[in-house]
């Protein structure tokens, strides 16, 4: 017999998983990340797998579930950051938000 609590967790969990995938698709489309449908599907698959494993076998360790659930959104955020800042080489003397001509070594030389 399935408990009412398990059904509620499944319904709410599925809504959260679906909402996460839709949010990733919309964000990827706006940020011009390549293949937004693939990223949305990847987030849906990882989060959905975590939900299914939580509801299925009784002795699945929670830290393992968290790794599975976090994998999709974390990898998408890395891809989003790469799409946002581009493939230009990193400047070791400046933070990403600083302009290239405003590094700390140039400011010290001017003082």
PDB file of N, CA and C in Angstrom:
ATOM      1  N   UNK A   1       0.830  -1.177   0.000  1.00  0.00           N
ATOM      2  CA  UNK A   1       0.000   0.000   0.000  1.00  0.00           C
ATOM      3  C   UNK A   1       0.881   1.250   0.000  1.00  0.00           C
ATOM      4  N   UNK A   2       0.541   2.186  -0.826  1.00  0.00           N
ATOM      5  CA  UNK A   2       1.297   3.422  -0.942  1.00  0.00           C
ATOM      6  C   UNK A   2       0.684   4.450   0.002  1.00  0.00           C
ATOM      7  N   UNK A   3       1.557   5.103   0.761  1.00  0.00           N
ATOM      8  CA  UNK A   3       1.047   6.090   1.712  1.00  0.00           C
ATOM      9  C   UNK A   3       0.747   7.415   1.015  1.00  0.00           C
ATOM     10  N   UNK A   4      -0.065   8.199   1.662  1.00  0.00           N
ATOM     11  CA  UNK A   4      -0.417   9.517   1.138  1.00  0.00           C
ATOM     12  C   UNK A   4       0.797  10.430   1.106  1.00  0.00           C
ATOM     13  N   UNK A   5       1.696  10.264   2.069  1.00  0.00           N
ATOM     14  CA  UNK A   5       2.913  11.070   2.115  1.00  0.00           C
ATOM     15  C   UNK A   5       3.797  10.780   0.901  1.00  0.00           C
ATOM     16  N   UNK A   6       3.946   9.537   0.507  1.00  0.00           N
ATOM     17  CA  UNK A   6       4.755   9.180  -0.659  1.00  0.00           C
ATOM     18  C   UNK A   6       4.155   9.760  -1.938  1.00  0.00           C
ATOM     19  N   UNK A   7       2.846   9.735  -2.047  1.00  0.00           N
ATOM     20  CA  UNK A   7       2.187  10.308  -3.223  1.00  0.00           C
ATOM     21  C   UNK A   7       2.402  11.818  -3.267  1.00  0.00           C
ATOM     22  N   UNK A   8       2.296  12.481  -2.118  1.00  0.00           N
ATOM     23  CA  UNK A   8       2.506  13.934  -2.063  1.00  0.00           C
ATOM     24  C   UNK A   8       3.944  14.284  -2.427  1.00  0.00           C
ATOM     25  N   UNK A   9       4.911  13.515  -1.913  1.00  0.00           N
ATOM     26  CA  UNK A   9       6.318  13.763  -2.247  1.00  0.00           C
ATOM     27  C   UNK A   9       6.552  13.552  -3.736  1.00  0.00           C
ATOM     28  N   UNK A  10       5.941  12.529  -4.310  1.00  0.00           N
ATOM     29  CA  UNK A  10       6.106  12.261  -5.742  1.00  0.00           C
ATOM     30  C   UNK A  10       5.522  13.380  -6.594  1.00  0.00           C
ATOM     31  N   UNK A  11       4.334  13.854  -6.235  1.00  0.00           N
ATOM     32  CA  UNK A  11       3.685  14.909  -7.030  1.00  0.00           C
ATOM     33  C   UNK A  11       4.449  16.226  -6.916  1.00  0.00           C
ATOM     34  N   UNK A  12       4.778  16.621  -5.692  1.00  0.00           N
ATOM     35  CA  UNK A  12       5.514  17.875  -5.491  1.00  0.00           C
ATOM     36  C   UNK A  12       6.917  17.770  -6.085  1.00  0.00           C
ATOM     37  N   UNK A  13       7.554  16.621  -5.906  1.00  0.00           N
ATOM     38  CA  UNK A  13       8.890  16.422  -6.470  1.00  0.00           C
ATOM     39  C   UNK A  13       8.887  16.491  -7.986  1.00  0.00           C
ATOM     40  N   UNK A  14       7.887  15.870  -8.617  1.00  0.00           N
ATOM     41  CA  UNK A  14       7.799  15.928 -10.075  1.00  0.00           C
ATOM     42  C   UNK A  14       7.573  17.358 -10.549  1.00  0.00           C
ATOM     43  N   UNK A  15       6.758  18.114  -9.829  1.00  0.00           N
ATOM     44  CA  UNK A  15       6.537  19.520 -10.194  1.00  0.00           C
ATOM     45  C   UNK A  15       7.828  20.321 -10.082  1.00  0.00           C
ATOM     46  N   UNK A  16       8.615  20.065  -9.056  1.00  0.00           N
ATOM     47  CA  UNK A  16       9.887  20.776  -8.889  1.00  0.00           C
ATOM     48  C   UNK A  16      10.874  20.382  -9.986  1.00  0.00           C
ATOM     49  N   UNK A  17      10.938  19.106 -10.312  1.00  0.00           N
ATOM     50  CA  UNK A  17      11.837  18.638 -11.369  1.00  0.00           C
ATOM     51  C   UNK A  17      11.440  19.244 -12.709  1.00  0.00           C
ATOM     52  N   UNK A  18      10.168  19.226 -13.019  1.00  0.00           N
ATOM     53  CA  UNK A  18       9.693  19.807 -14.275  1.00  0.00           C
ATOM     54  C   UNK A  18       9.930  21.315 -14.307  1.00  0.00           C
ATOM     55  N   UNK A  19       9.671  21.992 -13.193  1.00  0.00           N
ATOM     56  CA  UNK A  19       9.921  23.436 -13.123  1.00  0.00           C
ATOM     57  C   UNK A  19      11.388  23.774 -13.294  1.00  0.00           C
ATOM     58  N   UNK A  20      12.262  22.956 -12.734  1.00  0.00           N
ATOM     59  CA  UNK A  20      13.704  23.180 -12.898  1.00  0.00           C
ATOM     60  C   UNK A  20      14.123  23.031 -14.356  1.00  0.00           C
ATOM     61  N   UNK A  21      13.600  22.026 -15.021  1.00  0.00           N
ATOM     62  CA  UNK A  21      13.942  21.820 -16.429  1.00  0.00           C
ATOM     63  C   UNK A  21      13.428  22.960 -17.300  1.00  0.00           C
ATOM     64  N   UNK A  22      12.225  23.435 -17.025  1.00  0.00           N
ATOM     65  CA  UNK A  22      11.673  24.567 -17.785  1.00  0.00           C
ATOM     66  C   UNK A  22      12.493  25.830 -17.527  1.00  0.00           C
ATOM     67  N   UNK A  23      12.896  26.058 -16.274  1.00  0.00           N
ATOM     68  CA  UNK A  23      13.709  27.234 -15.949  1.00  0.00           C
ATOM     69  C   UNK A  23      15.058  27.178 -16.652  1.00  0.00           C
ATOM     70  N   UNK A  24      15.670  26.007 -16.717  1.00  0.00           N
ATOM     71  CA  UNK A  24      16.952  25.864 -17.408  1.00  0.00           C
ATOM     72  C   UNK A  24      16.780  26.111 -18.900  1.00  0.00           C
ATOM     73  N   UNK A  25      15.702  25.593 -19.486  1.00  0.00           N
ATOM     74  CA  UNK A  25      15.470  25.809 -20.916  1.00  0.00           C
ATOM     75  C   UNK A  25      15.292  27.292 -21.228  1.00  0.00           C
ATOM     76  N   UNK A  26      14.484  27.978 -20.434  1.00  0.00           N
ATOM     77  CA  UNK A  26      14.260  29.406 -20.678  1.00  0.00           C
ATOM     78  C   UNK A  26      15.539  30.212 -20.475  1.00  0.00           C
ATOM     79  N   UNK A  27      16.295  29.900 -19.429  1.00  0.00           N
ATOM     80  CA  UNK A  27      17.535  30.627 -19.174  1.00  0.00           C
ATOM     81  C   UNK A  27      18.565  30.355 -20.263  1.00  0.00           C
ATOM     82  N   UNK A  28      18.671  29.107 -20.691  1.00  0.00           N
ATOM     83  CA  UNK A  28      19.634  28.772 -21.745  1.00  0.00           C
ATOM     84  C   UNK A  28      19.266  29.451 -23.054  1.00  0.00           C
ATOM     85  N   UNK A  29      17.984  29.582 -23.336  1.00  0.00           N
ATOM     86  CA  UNK A  29      17.558  30.269 -24.556  1.00  0.00           C
ATOM     87  C   UNK A  29      17.890  31.756 -24.490  1.00  0.00           C
ATOM     88  N   UNK A  30      17.704  32.374 -23.344  1.00  0.00           N
ATOM     89  CA  UNK A  30      17.995  33.801 -23.185  1.00  0.00           C
ATOM     90  C   UNK A  30      19.492  34.093 -23.180  1.00  0.00           C
ATOM     91  N   UNK A  31      20.287  33.176 -22.605  1.00  0.00           N
ATOM     92  CA  UNK A  31      21.731  33.400 -22.496  1.00  0.00           C
ATOM     93  C   UNK A  31      22.492  32.916 -23.724  1.00  0.00           C
ATOM     94  N   UNK A  32      21.821  32.399 -24.717  1.00  0.00           N
ATOM     95  CA  UNK A  32      22.416  31.885 -25.954  1.00  0.00           C
ATOM     96  C   UNK A  32      23.379  30.744 -25.670  1.00  0.00           C
ATOM     97  N   UNK A  33      23.012  29.875 -24.721  1.00  0.00           N
ATOM     98  CA  UNK A  33      23.771  28.660 -24.462  1.00  0.00           C
ATOM     99  C   UNK A  33      23.402  27.666 -25.550  1.00  0.00           C
ATOM    100  N   UNK A  34      24.385  26.966 -26.091  1.00  0.00           N
ATOM    101  CA  UNK A  34      24.085  26.023 -27.165  1.00  0.00           C
ATOM    102  C   UNK A  34      23.268  24.846 -26.644  1.00  0.00           C
ATOM    103  N   UNK A  35      22.327  24.390 -27.443  1.00  0.00           N
ATOM    104  CA  UNK A  35      21.455  23.239 -27.177  1.00  0.00           C
ATOM    105  C   UNK A  35      20.673  23.364 -25.870  1.00  0.00           C
ATOM    106  N   UNK A  36      19.789  24.353 -25.752  1.00  0.00           N
ATOM    107  CA  UNK A  36      19.025  24.505 -24.508  1.00  0.00           C
ATOM    108  C   UNK A  36      18.120  23.317 -24.191  1.00  0.00           C
ATOM    109  N   UNK A  37      17.584  22.653 -25.215  1.00  0.00           N
ATOM    110  CA  UNK A  37      16.727  21.487 -24.959  1.00  0.00           C
ATOM    111  C   UNK A  37      17.532  20.334 -24.354  1.00  0.00           C
ATOM    112  N   UNK A  38      18.764  20.172 -24.789  1.00  0.00           N
ATOM    113  CA  UNK A  38      19.619  19.126 -24.240  1.00  0.00           C
ATOM    114  C   UNK A  38      19.939  19.396 -22.770  1.00  0.00           C
ATOM    115  N   UNK A  39      20.231  20.644 -22.437  1.00  0.00           N
ATOM    116  CA  UNK A  39      20.516  20.989 -21.043  1.00  0.00           C
ATOM    117  C   UNK A  39      19.284  20.817 -20.168  1.00  0.00           C
ATOM    118  N   UNK A  40      18.130  21.195 -20.680  1.00  0.00           N
ATOM    119  CA  UNK A  40      16.893  21.002 -19.913  1.00  0.00           C
ATOM    120  C   UNK A  40      16.626  19.518 -19.700  1.00  0.00           C
ATOM    121  N   UNK A  41      16.853  18.716 -20.715  1.00  0.00           N
ATOM    122  CA  UNK A  41      16.680  17.273 -20.579  1.00  0.00           C
ATOM    123  C   UNK A  41      17.669  16.662 -19.605  1.00  0.00           C
ATOM    124  N   UNK A  42      18.895  17.169 -19.598  1.00  0.00           N
ATOM    125  CA  UNK A  42      19.910  16.662 -18.676  1.00  0.00           C
ATOM    126  C   UNK A  42      19.541  16.990 -17.232  1.00  0.00           C
ATOM    127  N   UNK A  43      19.077  18.210 -16.992  1.00  0.00           N
ATOM    128  CA  UNK A  43      18.643  18.592 -15.647  1.00  0.00           C
ATOM    129  C   UNK A  43      17.425  17.770 -15.238  1.00  0.00           C
ATOM    130  N   UNK A  44      16.495  17.573 -16.144  1.00  0.00           N
ATOM    131  CA  UNK A  44      15.316  16.751 -15.850  1.00  0.00           C
ATOM    132  C   UNK A  44      15.723  15.316 -15.523  1.00  0.00           C
ATOM    133  N   UNK A  45      16.667  14.772 -16.274  1.00  0.00           N
ATOM    134  CA  UNK A  45      17.101  13.387 -16.050  1.00  0.00           C
ATOM    135  C   UNK A  45      17.805  13.223 -14.705  1.00  0.00           C
ATOM    136  N   UNK A  46      18.707  14.132 -14.369  1.00  0.00           N
ATOM    137  CA  UNK A  46      19.438  13.986 -13.107  1.00  0.00           C
ATOM    138  C   UNK A  46      18.520  14.206 -11.907  1.00  0.00           C
ATOM    139  N   UNK A  47      17.719  15.243 -11.956  1.00  0.00           N
ATOM    140  CA  UNK A  47      16.808  15.510 -10.837  1.00  0.00           C
ATOM    141  C   UNK A  47      15.724  14.436 -10.746  1.00  0.00           C
ATOM    142  N   UNK A  48      15.219  13.995 -11.876  1.00  0.00           N
ATOM    143  CA  UNK A  48      14.208  12.943 -11.878  1.00  0.00           C
ATOM    144  C   UNK A  48      14.754  11.611 -11.387  1.00  0.00           C
ATOM    145  N   UNK A  49      15.997  11.307 -11.733  1.00  0.00           N
ATOM    146  CA  UNK A  49      16.630  10.091 -11.232  1.00  0.00           C
ATOM    147  C   UNK A  49      16.781  10.144  -9.725  1.00  0.00           C
ATOM    148  N   UNK A  50      17.190  11.306  -9.210  1.00  0.00           N
ATOM    149  CA  UNK A  50      17.302  11.457  -7.762  1.00  0.00           C
ATOM    150  C   UNK A  50      15.965  11.283  -7.067  1.00  0.00           C
ATOM    151  N   UNK A  51      14.905  11.836  -7.642  1.00  0.00           N
ATOM    152  CA  UNK A  51      13.567  11.684  -7.066  1.00  0.00           C
ATOM    153  C   UNK A  51      13.113  10.227  -7.114  1.00  0.00           C
ATOM    154  N   UNK A  52      13.350   9.565  -8.237  1.00  0.00           N
ATOM    155  CA  UNK A  52      12.948   8.159  -8.370  1.00  0.00           C
ATOM    156  C   UNK A  52      13.714   7.277  -7.393  1.00  0.00           C
ATOM    157  N   UNK A  53      14.981   7.567  -7.198  1.00  0.00           N
ATOM    158  CA  UNK A  53      15.762   6.769  -6.251  1.00  0.00           C
ATOM    159  C   UNK A  53      15.342   7.052  -4.812  1.00  0.00           C
ATOM    160  N   UNK A  54      14.918   8.268  -4.542  1.00  0.00           N
ATOM    161  CA  UNK A  54      14.419   8.586  -3.195  1.00  0.00           C
ATOM    162  C   UNK A  54      13.124   7.842  -2.905  1.00  0.00           C
ATOM    163  N   UNK A  55      12.259   7.766  -3.906  1.00  0.00           N
ATOM    164  CA  UNK A  55      10.969   7.107  -3.715  1.00  0.00           C
ATOM    165  C   UNK A  55      11.050   5.590  -3.858  1.00  0.00           C
ATOM    166  N   UNK A  56      12.048   5.084  -4.576  1.00  0.00           N
ATOM    167  CA  UNK A  56      12.127   3.660  -4.867  1.00  0.00           C
ATOM    168  C   UNK A  56      12.764   2.828  -3.776  1.00  0.00           C
ATOM    169  N   UNK A  57      14.036   2.504  -3.909  1.00  0.00           N
ATOM    170  CA  UNK A  57      14.691   1.638  -2.929  1.00  0.00           C
ATOM    171  C   UNK A  57      14.743   2.298  -1.547  1.00  0.00           C
ATOM    172  N   UNK A  58      14.530   1.519  -0.488  1.00  0.00           N
ATOM    173  CA  UNK A  58      14.440   2.132   0.840  1.00  0.00           C
ATOM    174  C   UNK A  58      15.769   2.550   1.449  1.00  0.00           C
ATOM    175  N   UNK A  59      16.895   1.992   1.017  1.00  0.00           N
ATOM    176  CA  UNK A  59      18.163   2.255   1.697  1.00  0.00           C
ATOM    177  C   UNK A  59      19.164   2.995   0.829  1.00  0.00           C
ATOM    178  N   UNK A  60      18.745   3.965   0.069  1.00  0.00           N
ATOM    179  CA  UNK A  60      19.661   4.763  -0.738  1.00  0.00           C
ATOM    180  C   UNK A  60      20.187   5.893   0.140  1.00  0.00           C
ATOM    181  N   UNK A  61      21.514   6.053   0.230  1.00  0.00           N
ATOM    182  CA  UNK A  61      22.065   7.111   1.090  1.00  0.00           C
ATOM    183  C   UNK A  61      21.744   8.505   0.537  1.00  0.00           C
ATOM    184  N   UNK A  62      21.366   9.390   1.433  1.00  0.00           N
ATOM    185  CA  UNK A  62      20.977  10.739   1.033  1.00  0.00           C
ATOM    186  C   UNK A  62      22.133  11.513   0.387  1.00  0.00           C
ATOM    187  N   UNK A  63      23.393  11.426   0.878  1.00  0.00           N
ATOM    188  CA  UNK A  63      24.470  12.147   0.183  1.00  0.00           C
ATOM    189  C   UNK A  63      24.637  11.732  -1.277  1.00  0.00           C
ATOM    190  N   UNK A  64      24.436  10.452  -1.572  1.00  0.00           N
ATOM    191  CA  UNK A  64      24.505  10.007  -2.962  1.00  0.00           C
ATOM    192  C   UNK A  64      23.387  10.590  -3.806  1.00  0.00           C
ATOM    193  N   UNK A  65      22.199  10.686  -3.237  1.00  0.00           N
ATOM    194  CA  UNK A  65      21.078  11.309  -3.947  1.00  0.00           C
ATOM    195  C   UNK A  65      21.360  12.778  -4.229  1.00  0.00           C
ATOM    196  N   UNK A  66      21.928  13.456  -3.251  1.00  0.00           N
ATOM    197  CA  UNK A  66      22.227  14.878  -3.449  1.00  0.00           C
ATOM    198  C   UNK A  66      23.245  15.088  -4.560  1.00  0.00           C
ATOM    199  N   UNK A  67      24.225  14.216  -4.662  1.00  0.00           N
ATOM    200  CA  UNK A  67      25.211  14.326  -5.739  1.00  0.00           C
ATOM    201  C   UNK A  67      24.533  14.153  -7.096  1.00  0.00           C
ATOM    202  N   UNK A  68      23.635  13.196  -7.199  1.00  0.00           N
ATOM    203  CA  UNK A  68      22.923  12.964  -8.463  1.00  0.00           C
ATOM    204  C   UNK A  68      22.040  14.157  -8.815  1.00  0.00           C
ATOM    205  N   UNK A  69      21.324  14.686  -7.826  1.00  0.00           N
ATOM    206  CA  UNK A  69      20.400  15.795  -8.079  1.00  0.00           C
ATOM    207  C   UNK A  69      21.154  17.071  -8.426  1.00  0.00           C
ATOM    208  N   UNK A  70      22.268  17.328  -7.772  1.00  0.00           N
ATOM    209  CA  UNK A  70      23.021  18.572  -7.991  1.00  0.00           C
ATOM    210  C   UNK A  70      23.834  18.533  -9.285  1.00  0.00           C
ATOM    211  N   UNK A  71      24.139  17.362  -9.796  1.00  0.00           N
ATOM    212  CA  UNK A  71      25.012  17.242 -10.974  1.00  0.00           C
ATOM    213  C   UNK A  71      24.474  18.001 -12.181  1.00  0.00           C
ATOM    214  N   UNK A  72      23.212  17.845 -12.504  1.00  0.00           N
ATOM    215  CA  UNK A  72      22.650  18.510 -13.688  1.00  0.00           C
ATOM    216  C   UNK A  72      22.679  20.020 -13.601  1.00  0.00           C
ATOM    217  N   UNK A  73      22.099  20.617 -12.544  1.00  0.00           N
ATOM    218  CA  UNK A  73      22.146  22.076 -12.444  1.00  0.00           C
ATOM    219  C   UNK A  73      23.562  22.634 -12.329  1.00  0.00           C
ATOM    220  N   UNK A  74      24.455  21.929 -11.631  1.00  0.00           N
ATOM    221  CA  UNK A  74      25.828  22.431 -11.486  1.00  0.00           C
ATOM    222  C   UNK A  74      26.554  22.452 -12.826  1.00  0.00           C
ATOM    223  N   UNK A  75      26.433  21.381 -13.604  1.00  0.00           N
ATOM    224  CA  UNK A  75      27.087  21.362 -14.913  1.00  0.00           C
ATOM    225  C   UNK A  75      26.477  22.400 -15.846  1.00  0.00           C
ATOM    226  N   UNK A  76      25.173  22.612 -15.758  1.00  0.00           N
ATOM    227  CA  UNK A  76      24.554  23.663 -16.581  1.00  0.00           C
ATOM    228  C   UNK A  76      25.095  25.034 -16.195  1.00  0.00           C
ATOM    229  N   UNK A  77      25.254  25.295 -14.900  1.00  0.00           N
ATOM    230  CA  UNK A  77      25.764  26.599 -14.469  1.00  0.00           C
ATOM    231  C   UNK A  77      27.199  26.824 -14.937  1.00  0.00           C
ATOM    232  N   UNK A  78      28.011  25.763 -14.993  1.00  0.00           N
ATOM    233  CA  UNK A  78      29.359  25.904 -15.553  1.00  0.00           C
ATOM    234  C   UNK A  78      29.292  26.268 -17.031  1.00  0.00           C
ATOM    235  N   UNK A  79      28.400  25.612 -17.778  1.00  0.00           N
ATOM    236  CA  UNK A  79      28.247  25.915 -19.206  1.00  0.00           C
ATOM    237  C   UNK A  79      27.708  27.331 -19.408  1.00  0.00           C
ATOM    238  N   UNK A  80      26.785  27.754 -18.547  1.00  0.00           N
ATOM    239  CA  UNK A  80      26.221  29.103 -18.631  1.00  0.00           C
ATOM    240  C   UNK A  80      27.299  30.155 -18.394  1.00  0.00           C
ATOM    241  N   UNK A  81      28.159  29.922 -17.416  1.00  0.00           N
ATOM    242  CA  UNK A  81      29.252  30.845 -17.118  1.00  0.00           C
ATOM    243  C   UNK A  81      30.210  30.925 -18.293  1.00  0.00           C
ATOM    244  N   UNK A  82      30.489  29.796 -18.927  1.00  0.00           N
ATOM    245  CA  UNK A  82      31.369  29.790 -20.081  1.00  0.00           C
ATOM    246  C   UNK A  82      30.743  30.539 -21.255  1.00  0.00           C
ATOM    247  N   UNK A  83      29.439  30.383 -21.450  1.00  0.00           N
ATOM    248  CA  UNK A  83      28.767  31.089 -22.542  1.00  0.00           C
ATOM    249  C   UNK A  83      28.695  32.589 -22.269  1.00  0.00           C
ATOM    250  N   UNK A  84      28.584  32.959 -21.004  1.00  0.00           N
ATOM    251  CA  UNK A  84      28.458  34.370 -20.650  1.00  0.00           C
ATOM    252  C   UNK A  84      29.779  35.116 -20.795  1.00  0.00           C
ATOM    253  N   UNK A  85      30.867  34.511 -20.345  1.00  0.00           N
ATOM    254  CA  UNK A  85      32.156  35.203 -20.353  1.00  0.00           C
ATOM    255  C   UNK A  85      33.015  34.877 -21.551  1.00  0.00           C
ATOM    256  N   UNK A  86      32.629  33.928 -22.355  1.00  0.00           N
ATOM    257  CA  UNK A  86      33.317  33.654 -23.601  1.00  0.00           C
ATOM    258  C   UNK A  86      34.575  32.826 -23.442  1.00  0.00           C
ATOM    259  N   UNK A  87      35.290  32.702 -24.544  1.00  0.00           N
ATOM    260  CA  UNK A  87      36.483  31.868 -24.587  1.00  0.00           C
ATOM    261  C   UNK A  87      37.765  32.685 -24.584  1.00  0.00           C
ATOM    262  N   UNK A  88      37.699  33.952 -24.211  1.00  0.00           N
ATOM    263  CA  UNK A  88      38.907  34.755 -24.197  1.00  0.00           C
ATOM    264  C   UNK A  88      39.855  34.252 -23.102  1.00  0.00           C
ATOM    265  N   UNK A  89      41.150  34.399 -23.311  1.00  0.00           N
ATOM    266  CA  UNK A  89      42.091  33.921 -22.297  1.00  0.00           C
ATOM    267  C   UNK A  89      41.968  34.718 -20.999  1.00  0.00           C
ATOM    268  N   UNK A  90      42.188  34.044 -19.908  1.00  0.00           N
ATOM    269  CA  UNK A  90      42.066  34.678 -18.598  1.00  0.00           C
ATOM    270  C   UNK A  90      43.249  35.601 -18.339  1.00  0.00           C
ATOM    271  N   UNK A  91      42.989  36.740 -17.694  1.00  0.00           N
ATOM    272  CA  UNK A  91      44.030  37.668 -17.273  1.00  0.00           C
ATOM    273  C   UNK A  91      44.316  37.392 -15.803  1.00  0.00           C
ATOM    274  N   UNK A  92      45.503  36.901 -15.470  1.00  0.00           N
ATOM    275  CA  UNK A  92      45.776  36.544 -14.075  1.00  0.00           C
ATOM    276  C   UNK A  92      45.882  37.741 -13.149  1.00  0.00           C
ATOM    277  N   UNK A  93      45.941  38.965 -13.682  1.00  0.00           N
ATOM    278  CA  UNK A  93      46.087  40.155 -12.847  1.00  0.00           C
ATOM    279  C   UNK A  93      44.777  40.881 -12.602  1.00  0.00           C
ATOM    280  N   UNK A  94      43.646  40.339 -13.101  1.00  0.00           N
ATOM    281  CA  UNK A  94      42.367  41.029 -12.960  1.00  0.00           C
ATOM    282  C   UNK A  94      41.261  40.042 -12.623  1.00  0.00           C
ATOM    283  N   UNK A  95      40.297  40.527 -11.869  1.00  0.00           N
ATOM    284  CA  UNK A  95      39.106  39.740 -11.594  1.00  0.00           C
ATOM    285  C   UNK A  95      38.195  39.775 -12.806  1.00  0.00           C
ATOM    286  N   UNK A  96      37.274  38.820 -12.955  1.00  0.00           N
ATOM    287  CA  UNK A  96      36.429  38.784 -14.157  1.00  0.00           C
ATOM    288  C   UNK A  96      35.577  40.030 -14.362  1.00  0.00           C
ATOM    289  N   UNK A  97      35.165  40.711 -13.303  1.00  0.00           N
ATOM    290  CA  UNK A  97      34.307  41.875 -13.462  1.00  0.00           C
ATOM    291  C   UNK A  97      35.076  43.158 -13.728  1.00  0.00           C
ATOM    292  N   UNK A  98      36.389  43.160 -13.550  1.00  0.00           N
ATOM    293  CA  UNK A  98      37.183  44.355 -13.816  1.00  0.00           C
ATOM    294  C   UNK A  98      37.444  44.498 -15.304  1.00  0.00           C
ATOM    295  N   UNK A  99      37.645  45.715 -15.746  1.00  0.00           N
ATOM    296  CA  UNK A  99      38.016  45.916 -17.141  1.00  0.00           C
ATOM    297  C   UNK A  99      39.484  45.545 -17.311  1.00  0.00           C
ATOM    298  N   UNK A 100      39.879  45.240 -18.522  1.00  0.00           N
ATOM    299  CA  UNK A 100      41.235  44.759 -18.775  1.00  0.00           C
ATOM    300  C   UNK A 100      42.286  45.818 -18.473  1.00  0.00           C
ATOM    301  N   UNK A 101      41.983  47.079 -18.647  1.00  0.00           N
ATOM    302  CA  UNK A 101      42.953  48.135 -18.424  1.00  0.00           C
ATOM    303  C   UNK A 101      43.002  48.620 -16.989  1.00  0.00           C
ATOM    304  N   UNK A 102      42.261  48.002 -16.081  1.00  0.00           N
ATOM    305  CA  UNK A 102      42.181  48.494 -14.709  1.00  0.00           C
ATOM    306  C   UNK A 102      42.700  47.449 -13.727  1.00  0.00           C
ATOM    307  N   UNK A 103      43.858  46.884 -14.009  1.00  0.00           N
ATOM    308  CA  UNK A 103      44.393  45.869 -13.109  1.00  0.00           C
ATOM    309  C   UNK A 103      45.118  46.526 -11.948  1.00  0.00           C
ATOM    310  N   UNK A 104      45.317  45.784 -10.882  1.00  0.00           N
ATOM    311  CA  UNK A 104      45.913  46.356  -9.672  1.00  0.00           C
ATOM    312  C   UNK A 104      47.368  46.715  -9.878  1.00  0.00           C
ATOM    313  N   UNK A 105      48.090  46.000 -10.739  1.00  0.00           N
ATOM    314  CA  UNK A 105      49.502  46.320 -10.967  1.00  0.00           C
ATOM    315  C   UNK A 105      49.628  47.672 -11.680  1.00  0.00           C
ATOM    316  N   UNK A 106      48.710  47.999 -12.578  1.00  0.00           N
ATOM    317  CA  UNK A 106      48.769  49.286 -13.257  1.00  0.00           C
ATOM    318  C   UNK A 106      48.419  50.414 -12.311  1.00  0.00           C
ATOM    319  N   UNK A 107      47.503  50.158 -11.354  1.00  0.00           N
ATOM    320  CA  UNK A 107      47.165  51.191 -10.398  1.00  0.00           C
ATOM    321  C   UNK A 107      48.324  51.477  -9.449  1.00  0.00           C
ATOM    322  N   UNK A 108      49.083  50.436  -9.054  1.00  0.00           N
ATOM    323  CA  UNK A 108      50.217  50.652  -8.164  1.00  0.00           C
ATOM    324  C   UNK A 108      51.327  51.417  -8.867  1.00  0.00           C
ATOM    325  N   UNK A 109      51.507  51.166 -10.172  1.00  0.00           N
ATOM    326  CA  UNK A 109      52.552  51.879 -10.913  1.00  0.00           C
ATOM    327  C   UNK A 109      52.223  53.365 -11.029  1.00  0.00           C
ATOM    328  N   UNK A 110      50.957  53.701 -11.089  1.00  0.00           N
ATOM    329  CA  UNK A 110      50.551  55.095 -11.247  1.00  0.00           C
ATOM    330  C   UNK A 110      50.612  55.892  -9.957  1.00  0.00           C
ATOM    331  N   UNK A 111      50.740  55.233  -8.808  1.00  0.00           N
ATOM    332  CA  UNK A 111      50.745  55.946  -7.528  1.00  0.00           C
ATOM    333  C   UNK A 111      52.067  56.535  -7.199  1.00  0.00           C
TER     334      UNK A 111
END
